[in-house]
């Protein structure tokens, strides 16, 4: 599991590959291969969120934000 390091100077390919492989949701990894452009965009956004959260945990969603019911 990746341990975030605040103030990290450089992000390498191995770090991003590990995050995509081990931390991103399975549906997002599969979603990148789908023909639907909206699904691909949502999948890419989910994977990007995992990478950003790992690099800078404070960049995640505001914990005071209430989740919306679906």
PDB file of N, CA and C in Angstrom:
ATOM      1  N   UNK A   1       0.841  -1.184   0.000  1.00  0.00           N
ATOM      2  CA  UNK A   1       0.000   0.000   0.000  1.00  0.00           C
ATOM      3  C   UNK A   1       0.880   1.240   0.000  1.00  0.00           C
ATOM      4  N   UNK A   2       0.466   2.236  -0.744  1.00  0.00           N
ATOM      5  CA  UNK A   2       1.217   3.478  -0.872  1.00  0.00           C
ATOM      6  C   UNK A   2       1.008   4.349   0.349  1.00  0.00           C
ATOM      7  N   UNK A   3       2.093   4.873   0.885  1.00  0.00           N
ATOM      8  CA  UNK A   3       2.022   5.812   2.001  1.00  0.00           C
ATOM      9  C   UNK A   3       2.325   7.199   1.446  1.00  0.00           C
ATOM     10  N   UNK A   4       1.357   8.129   1.526  1.00  0.00           N
ATOM     11  CA  UNK A   4       1.578   9.453   0.937  1.00  0.00           C
ATOM     12  C   UNK A   4       2.698  10.207   1.641  1.00  0.00           C
ATOM     13  N   UNK A   5       3.429  10.962   0.863  1.00  0.00           N
ATOM     14  CA  UNK A   5       4.505  11.787   1.398  1.00  0.00           C
ATOM     15  C   UNK A   5       4.204  13.218   0.991  1.00  0.00           C
ATOM     16  N   UNK A   6       3.818  14.037   1.963  1.00  0.00           N
ATOM     17  CA  UNK A   6       3.487  15.420   1.663  1.00  0.00           C
ATOM     18  C   UNK A   6       4.740  16.172   1.222  1.00  0.00           C
ATOM     19  N   UNK A   7       4.561  17.043   0.245  1.00  0.00           N
ATOM     20  CA  UNK A   7       5.678  17.812  -0.262  1.00  0.00           C
ATOM     21  C   UNK A   7       6.558  17.015  -1.210  1.00  0.00           C
ATOM     22  N   UNK A   8       6.016  15.937  -1.759  1.00  0.00           N
ATOM     23  CA  UNK A   8       6.773  15.088  -2.665  1.00  0.00           C
ATOM     24  C   UNK A   8       7.205  15.911  -3.884  1.00  0.00           C
ATOM     25  N   UNK A   9       8.462  15.864  -4.223  1.00  0.00           N
ATOM     26  CA  UNK A   9       8.994  16.643  -5.329  1.00  0.00           C
ATOM     27  C   UNK A   9       8.674  16.031  -6.690  1.00  0.00           C
ATOM     28  N   UNK A  10       8.762  14.717  -6.783  1.00  0.00           N
ATOM     29  CA  UNK A  10       8.618  14.069  -8.091  1.00  0.00           C
ATOM     30  C   UNK A  10       7.716  12.853  -7.969  1.00  0.00           C
ATOM     31  N   UNK A  11       6.873  12.704  -8.946  1.00  0.00           N
ATOM     32  CA  UNK A  11       5.982  11.547  -8.995  1.00  0.00           C
ATOM     33  C   UNK A  11       6.436  10.714 -10.189  1.00  0.00           C
ATOM     34  N   UNK A  12       6.747   9.456  -9.963  1.00  0.00           N
ATOM     35  CA  UNK A  12       7.242   8.650 -11.075  1.00  0.00           C
ATOM     36  C   UNK A  12       6.166   7.695 -11.589  1.00  0.00           C
ATOM     37  N   UNK A  13       6.467   7.084 -12.707  1.00  0.00           N
ATOM     38  CA  UNK A  13       5.525   6.161 -13.348  1.00  0.00           C
ATOM     39  C   UNK A  13       5.170   4.986 -12.455  1.00  0.00           C
ATOM     40  N   UNK A  14       6.157   4.462 -11.753  1.00  0.00           N
ATOM     41  CA  UNK A  14       5.911   3.298 -10.903  1.00  0.00           C
ATOM     42  C   UNK A  14       4.889   3.626  -9.820  1.00  0.00           C
ATOM     43  N   UNK A  15       4.969   4.811  -9.258  1.00  0.00           N
ATOM     44  CA  UNK A  15       4.019   5.231  -8.241  1.00  0.00           C
ATOM     45  C   UNK A  15       2.604   5.296  -8.822  1.00  0.00           C
ATOM     46  N   UNK A  16       2.453   5.944  -9.951  1.00  0.00           N
ATOM     47  CA  UNK A  16       1.131   6.068 -10.564  1.00  0.00           C
ATOM     48  C   UNK A  16       0.617   4.699 -10.981  1.00  0.00           C
ATOM     49  N   UNK A  17       1.463   3.868 -11.566  1.00  0.00           N
ATOM     50  CA  UNK A  17       1.041   2.524 -11.970  1.00  0.00           C
ATOM     51  C   UNK A  17       0.560   1.715 -10.781  1.00  0.00           C
ATOM     52  N   UNK A  18       1.273   1.823  -9.660  1.00  0.00           N
ATOM     53  CA  UNK A  18       0.873   1.102  -8.455  1.00  0.00           C
ATOM     54  C   UNK A  18      -0.478   1.600  -7.945  1.00  0.00           C
ATOM     55  N   UNK A  19      -0.675   2.896  -7.953  1.00  0.00           N
ATOM     56  CA  UNK A  19      -1.957   3.451  -7.505  1.00  0.00           C
ATOM     57  C   UNK A  19      -3.109   2.991  -8.394  1.00  0.00           C
ATOM     58  N   UNK A  20      -2.894   3.020  -9.700  1.00  0.00           N
ATOM     59  CA  UNK A  20      -3.949   2.590 -10.627  1.00  0.00           C
ATOM     60  C   UNK A  20      -4.246   1.112 -10.434  1.00  0.00           C
ATOM     61  N   UNK A  21      -3.218   0.309 -10.285  1.00  0.00           N
ATOM     62  CA  UNK A  21      -3.403  -1.137 -10.175  1.00  0.00           C
ATOM     63  C   UNK A  21      -3.987  -1.576  -8.834  1.00  0.00           C
ATOM     64  N   UNK A  22      -3.539  -0.959  -7.741  1.00  0.00           N
ATOM     65  CA  UNK A  22      -3.916  -1.470  -6.424  1.00  0.00           C
ATOM     66  C   UNK A  22      -4.947  -0.632  -5.678  1.00  0.00           C
ATOM     67  N   UNK A  23      -5.077   0.633  -6.000  1.00  0.00           N
ATOM     68  CA  UNK A  23      -5.955   1.500  -5.215  1.00  0.00           C
ATOM     69  C   UNK A  23      -7.214   1.955  -5.951  1.00  0.00           C
ATOM     70  N   UNK A  24      -7.193   1.977  -7.277  1.00  0.00           N
ATOM     71  CA  UNK A  24      -8.366   2.477  -8.001  1.00  0.00           C
ATOM     72  C   UNK A  24      -9.447   1.404  -8.079  1.00  0.00           C
ATOM     73  N   UNK A  25     -10.711   1.838  -8.149  1.00  0.00           N
ATOM     74  CA  UNK A  25     -11.811   0.871  -8.221  1.00  0.00           C
ATOM     75  C   UNK A  25     -11.742   0.034  -9.501  1.00  0.00           C
ATOM     76  N   UNK A  26     -12.112  -1.229  -9.382  1.00  0.00           N
ATOM     77  CA  UNK A  26     -12.087  -2.116 -10.542  1.00  0.00           C
ATOM     78  C   UNK A  26     -12.967  -1.629 -11.674  1.00  0.00           C
ATOM     79  N   UNK A  27     -14.160  -1.092 -11.330  1.00  0.00           N
ATOM     80  CA  UNK A  27     -15.056  -0.625 -12.384  1.00  0.00           C
ATOM     81  C   UNK A  27     -14.405   0.489 -13.197  1.00  0.00           C
ATOM     82  N   UNK A  28     -13.569   1.310 -12.550  1.00  0.00           N
ATOM     83  CA  UNK A  28     -12.924   2.412 -13.256  1.00  0.00           C
ATOM     84  C   UNK A  28     -11.855   1.901 -14.212  1.00  0.00           C
ATOM     85  N   UNK A  29     -11.114   0.891 -13.785  1.00  0.00           N
ATOM     86  CA  UNK A  29     -10.100   0.323 -14.686  1.00  0.00           C
ATOM     87  C   UNK A  29     -10.764  -0.295 -15.913  1.00  0.00           C
ATOM     88  N   UNK A  30     -11.861  -0.985 -15.706  1.00  0.00           N
ATOM     89  CA  UNK A  30     -12.596  -1.573 -16.833  1.00  0.00           C
ATOM     90  C   UNK A  30     -13.270  -0.470 -17.648  1.00  0.00           C
ATOM     91  N   UNK A  31     -13.785   0.547 -16.953  1.00  0.00           N
ATOM     92  CA  UNK A  31     -14.493   1.634 -17.623  1.00  0.00           C
ATOM     93  C   UNK A  31     -13.650   2.390 -18.629  1.00  0.00           C
ATOM     94  N   UNK A  32     -12.341   2.398 -18.431  1.00  0.00           N
ATOM     95  CA  UNK A  32     -11.467   3.077 -19.394  1.00  0.00           C
ATOM     96  C   UNK A  32     -11.502   2.434 -20.773  1.00  0.00           C
ATOM     97  N   UNK A  33     -11.908   1.171 -20.842  1.00  0.00           N
ATOM     98  CA  UNK A  33     -11.906   0.452 -22.115  1.00  0.00           C
ATOM     99  C   UNK A  33     -13.263   0.453 -22.801  1.00  0.00           C
ATOM    100  N   UNK A  34     -14.274   1.028 -22.184  1.00  0.00           N
ATOM    101  CA  UNK A  34     -15.627   0.994 -22.739  1.00  0.00           C
ATOM    102  C   UNK A  34     -15.799   1.974 -23.898  1.00  0.00           C
ATOM    103  N   UNK A  35     -16.711   1.654 -24.825  1.00  0.00           N
ATOM    104  CA  UNK A  35     -16.929   2.541 -25.968  1.00  0.00           C
ATOM    105  C   UNK A  35     -17.695   3.819 -25.610  1.00  0.00           C
ATOM    106  N   UNK A  36     -18.385   3.843 -24.489  1.00  0.00           N
ATOM    107  CA  UNK A  36     -19.168   5.014 -24.090  1.00  0.00           C
ATOM    108  C   UNK A  36     -18.244   6.111 -23.563  1.00  0.00           C
ATOM    109  N   UNK A  37     -18.184   7.274 -24.231  1.00  0.00           N
ATOM    110  CA  UNK A  37     -17.262   8.327 -23.796  1.00  0.00           C
ATOM    111  C   UNK A  37     -17.591   8.881 -22.406  1.00  0.00           C
ATOM    112  N   UNK A  38     -18.868   8.902 -22.034  1.00  0.00           N
ATOM    113  CA  UNK A  38     -19.228   9.392 -20.698  1.00  0.00           C
ATOM    114  C   UNK A  38     -18.713   8.448 -19.615  1.00  0.00           C
ATOM    115  N   UNK A  39     -18.818   7.162 -19.839  1.00  0.00           N
ATOM    116  CA  UNK A  39     -18.309   6.185 -18.878  1.00  0.00           C
ATOM    117  C   UNK A  39     -16.787   6.265 -18.785  1.00  0.00           C
ATOM    118  N   UNK A  40     -16.132   6.423 -19.930  1.00  0.00           N
ATOM    119  CA  UNK A  40     -14.675   6.562 -19.914  1.00  0.00           C
ATOM    120  C   UNK A  40     -14.255   7.796 -19.126  1.00  0.00           C
ATOM    121  N   UNK A  41     -14.979   8.897 -19.282  1.00  0.00           N
ATOM    122  CA  UNK A  41     -14.657  10.132 -18.566  1.00  0.00           C
ATOM    123  C   UNK A  41     -14.846   9.944 -17.061  1.00  0.00           C
ATOM    124  N   UNK A  42     -15.946   9.298 -16.644  1.00  0.00           N
ATOM    125  CA  UNK A  42     -16.176   9.053 -15.215  1.00  0.00           C
ATOM    126  C   UNK A  42     -15.108   8.125 -14.642  1.00  0.00           C
ATOM    127  N   UNK A  43     -14.720   7.129 -15.421  1.00  0.00           N
ATOM    128  CA  UNK A  43     -13.674   6.197 -14.975  1.00  0.00           C
ATOM    129  C   UNK A  43     -12.342   6.923 -14.814  1.00  0.00           C
ATOM    130  N   UNK A  44     -12.000   7.745 -15.787  1.00  0.00           N
ATOM    131  CA  UNK A  44     -10.748   8.505 -15.700  1.00  0.00           C
ATOM    132  C   UNK A  44     -10.777   9.443 -14.503  1.00  0.00           C
ATOM    133  N   UNK A  45     -11.920  10.057 -14.243  1.00  0.00           N
ATOM    134  CA  UNK A  45     -12.050  10.953 -13.093  1.00  0.00           C
ATOM    135  C   UNK A  45     -11.866  10.192 -11.784  1.00  0.00           C
ATOM    136  N   UNK A  46     -12.434   8.995 -11.687  1.00  0.00           N
ATOM    137  CA  UNK A  46     -12.299   8.185 -10.465  1.00  0.00           C
ATOM    138  C   UNK A  46     -10.840   7.798 -10.229  1.00  0.00           C
ATOM    139  N   UNK A  47     -10.142   7.430 -11.283  1.00  0.00           N
ATOM    140  CA  UNK A  47      -8.726   7.057 -11.143  1.00  0.00           C
ATOM    141  C   UNK A  47      -7.888   8.281 -10.801  1.00  0.00           C
ATOM    142  N   UNK A  48      -8.178   9.411 -11.426  1.00  0.00           N
ATOM    143  CA  UNK A  48      -7.451  10.641 -11.101  1.00  0.00           C
ATOM    144  C   UNK A  48      -7.658  11.025  -9.641  1.00  0.00           C
ATOM    145  N   UNK A  49      -8.874  10.833  -9.132  1.00  0.00           N
ATOM    146  CA  UNK A  49      -9.160  11.153  -7.728  1.00  0.00           C
ATOM    147  C   UNK A  49      -8.324  10.284  -6.789  1.00  0.00           C
ATOM    148  N   UNK A  50      -8.142   9.010  -7.141  1.00  0.00           N
ATOM    149  CA  UNK A  50      -7.318   8.112  -6.323  1.00  0.00           C
ATOM    150  C   UNK A  50      -5.870   8.596  -6.300  1.00  0.00           C
ATOM    151  N   UNK A  51      -5.369   9.001  -7.449  1.00  0.00           N
ATOM    152  CA  UNK A  51      -3.984   9.466  -7.540  1.00  0.00           C
ATOM    153  C   UNK A  51      -3.804  10.754  -6.741  1.00  0.00           C
ATOM    154  N   UNK A  52      -4.718  11.696  -6.904  1.00  0.00           N
ATOM    155  CA  UNK A  52      -4.616  12.965  -6.187  1.00  0.00           C
ATOM    156  C   UNK A  52      -4.721  12.754  -4.685  1.00  0.00           C
ATOM    157  N   UNK A  53      -5.642  11.913  -4.259  1.00  0.00           N
ATOM    158  CA  UNK A  53      -5.826  11.645  -2.829  1.00  0.00           C
ATOM    159  C   UNK A  53      -4.572  11.008  -2.223  1.00  0.00           C
ATOM    160  N   UNK A  54      -3.910  10.139  -2.968  1.00  0.00           N
ATOM    161  CA  UNK A  54      -2.707   9.490  -2.461  1.00  0.00           C
ATOM    162  C   UNK A  54      -1.531  10.457  -2.370  1.00  0.00           C
ATOM    163  N   UNK A  55      -1.445  11.357  -3.327  1.00  0.00           N
ATOM    164  CA  UNK A  55      -0.340  12.302  -3.350  1.00  0.00           C
ATOM    165  C   UNK A  55      -0.535  13.400  -2.310  1.00  0.00           C
ATOM    166  N   UNK A  56      -1.767  13.893  -2.194  1.00  0.00           N
ATOM    167  CA  UNK A  56      -2.064  14.966  -1.243  1.00  0.00           C
ATOM    168  C   UNK A  56      -3.389  14.666  -0.562  1.00  0.00           C
ATOM    169  N   UNK A  57      -3.356  13.979   0.582  1.00  0.00           N
ATOM    170  CA  UNK A  57      -4.597  13.591   1.263  1.00  0.00           C
ATOM    171  C   UNK A  57      -5.506  14.766   1.612  1.00  0.00           C
ATOM    172  N   UNK A  58      -4.937  15.946   1.769  1.00  0.00           N
ATOM    173  CA  UNK A  58      -5.751  17.117   2.081  1.00  0.00           C
ATOM    174  C   UNK A  58      -6.523  17.625   0.868  1.00  0.00           C
ATOM    175  N   UNK A  59      -6.196  17.129  -0.326  1.00  0.00           N
ATOM    176  CA  UNK A  59      -6.871  17.584  -1.536  1.00  0.00           C
ATOM    177  C   UNK A  59      -8.186  16.844  -1.772  1.00  0.00           C
ATOM    178  N   UNK A  60      -8.506  15.882  -0.930  1.00  0.00           N
ATOM    179  CA  UNK A  60      -9.732  15.103  -1.095  1.00  0.00           C
ATOM    180  C   UNK A  60     -10.967  15.927  -0.824  1.00  0.00           C
ATOM    181  N   UNK A  61     -12.122  15.293  -0.916  1.00  0.00           N
ATOM    182  CA  UNK A  61     -13.367  16.017  -0.673  1.00  0.00           C
ATOM    183  C   UNK A  61     -13.425  16.543   0.764  1.00  0.00           C
ATOM    184  N   UNK A  62     -14.099  17.646   0.920  1.00  0.00           N
ATOM    185  CA  UNK A  62     -14.259  18.256   2.241  1.00  0.00           C
ATOM    186  C   UNK A  62     -15.079  17.326   3.128  1.00  0.00           C
ATOM    187  N   UNK A  63     -14.547  16.917   4.285  1.00  0.00           N
ATOM    188  CA  UNK A  63     -15.278  15.986   5.144  1.00  0.00           C
ATOM    189  C   UNK A  63     -16.578  16.576   5.693  1.00  0.00           C
ATOM    190  N   UNK A  64     -16.720  17.881   5.618  1.00  0.00           N
ATOM    191  CA  UNK A  64     -17.958  18.507   6.082  1.00  0.00           C
ATOM    192  C   UNK A  64     -19.065  18.439   5.038  1.00  0.00           C
ATOM    193  N   UNK A  65     -18.708  18.059   3.805  1.00  0.00           N
ATOM    194  CA  UNK A  65     -19.696  17.957   2.732  1.00  0.00           C
ATOM    195  C   UNK A  65     -20.601  16.755   2.971  1.00  0.00           C
ATOM    196  N   UNK A  66     -21.894  16.967   2.963  1.00  0.00           N
ATOM    197  CA  UNK A  66     -22.836  15.872   3.156  1.00  0.00           C
ATOM    198  C   UNK A  66     -23.026  15.120   1.844  1.00  0.00           C
ATOM    199  N   UNK A  67     -23.033  13.787   1.908  1.00  0.00           N
ATOM    200  CA  UNK A  67     -23.263  13.021   0.683  1.00  0.00           C
ATOM    201  C   UNK A  67     -24.722  13.148   0.237  1.00  0.00           C
ATOM    202  N   UNK A  68     -24.934  13.171  -1.054  1.00  0.00           N
ATOM    203  CA  UNK A  68     -26.280  13.232  -1.597  1.00  0.00           C
ATOM    204  C   UNK A  68     -26.829  11.824  -1.764  1.00  0.00           C
ATOM    205  N   UNK A  69     -28.053  11.628  -1.386  1.00  0.00           N
ATOM    206  CA  UNK A  69     -28.698  10.330  -1.574  1.00  0.00           C
ATOM    207  C   UNK A  69     -29.023  10.139  -3.036  1.00  0.00           C
ATOM    208  N   UNK A  70     -28.847   8.942  -3.536  1.00  0.00           N
ATOM    209  CA  UNK A  70     -29.180   8.636  -4.933  1.00  0.00           C
ATOM    210  C   UNK A  70     -30.562   8.064  -5.028  1.00  0.00           C
TER     211      UNK A  70
END
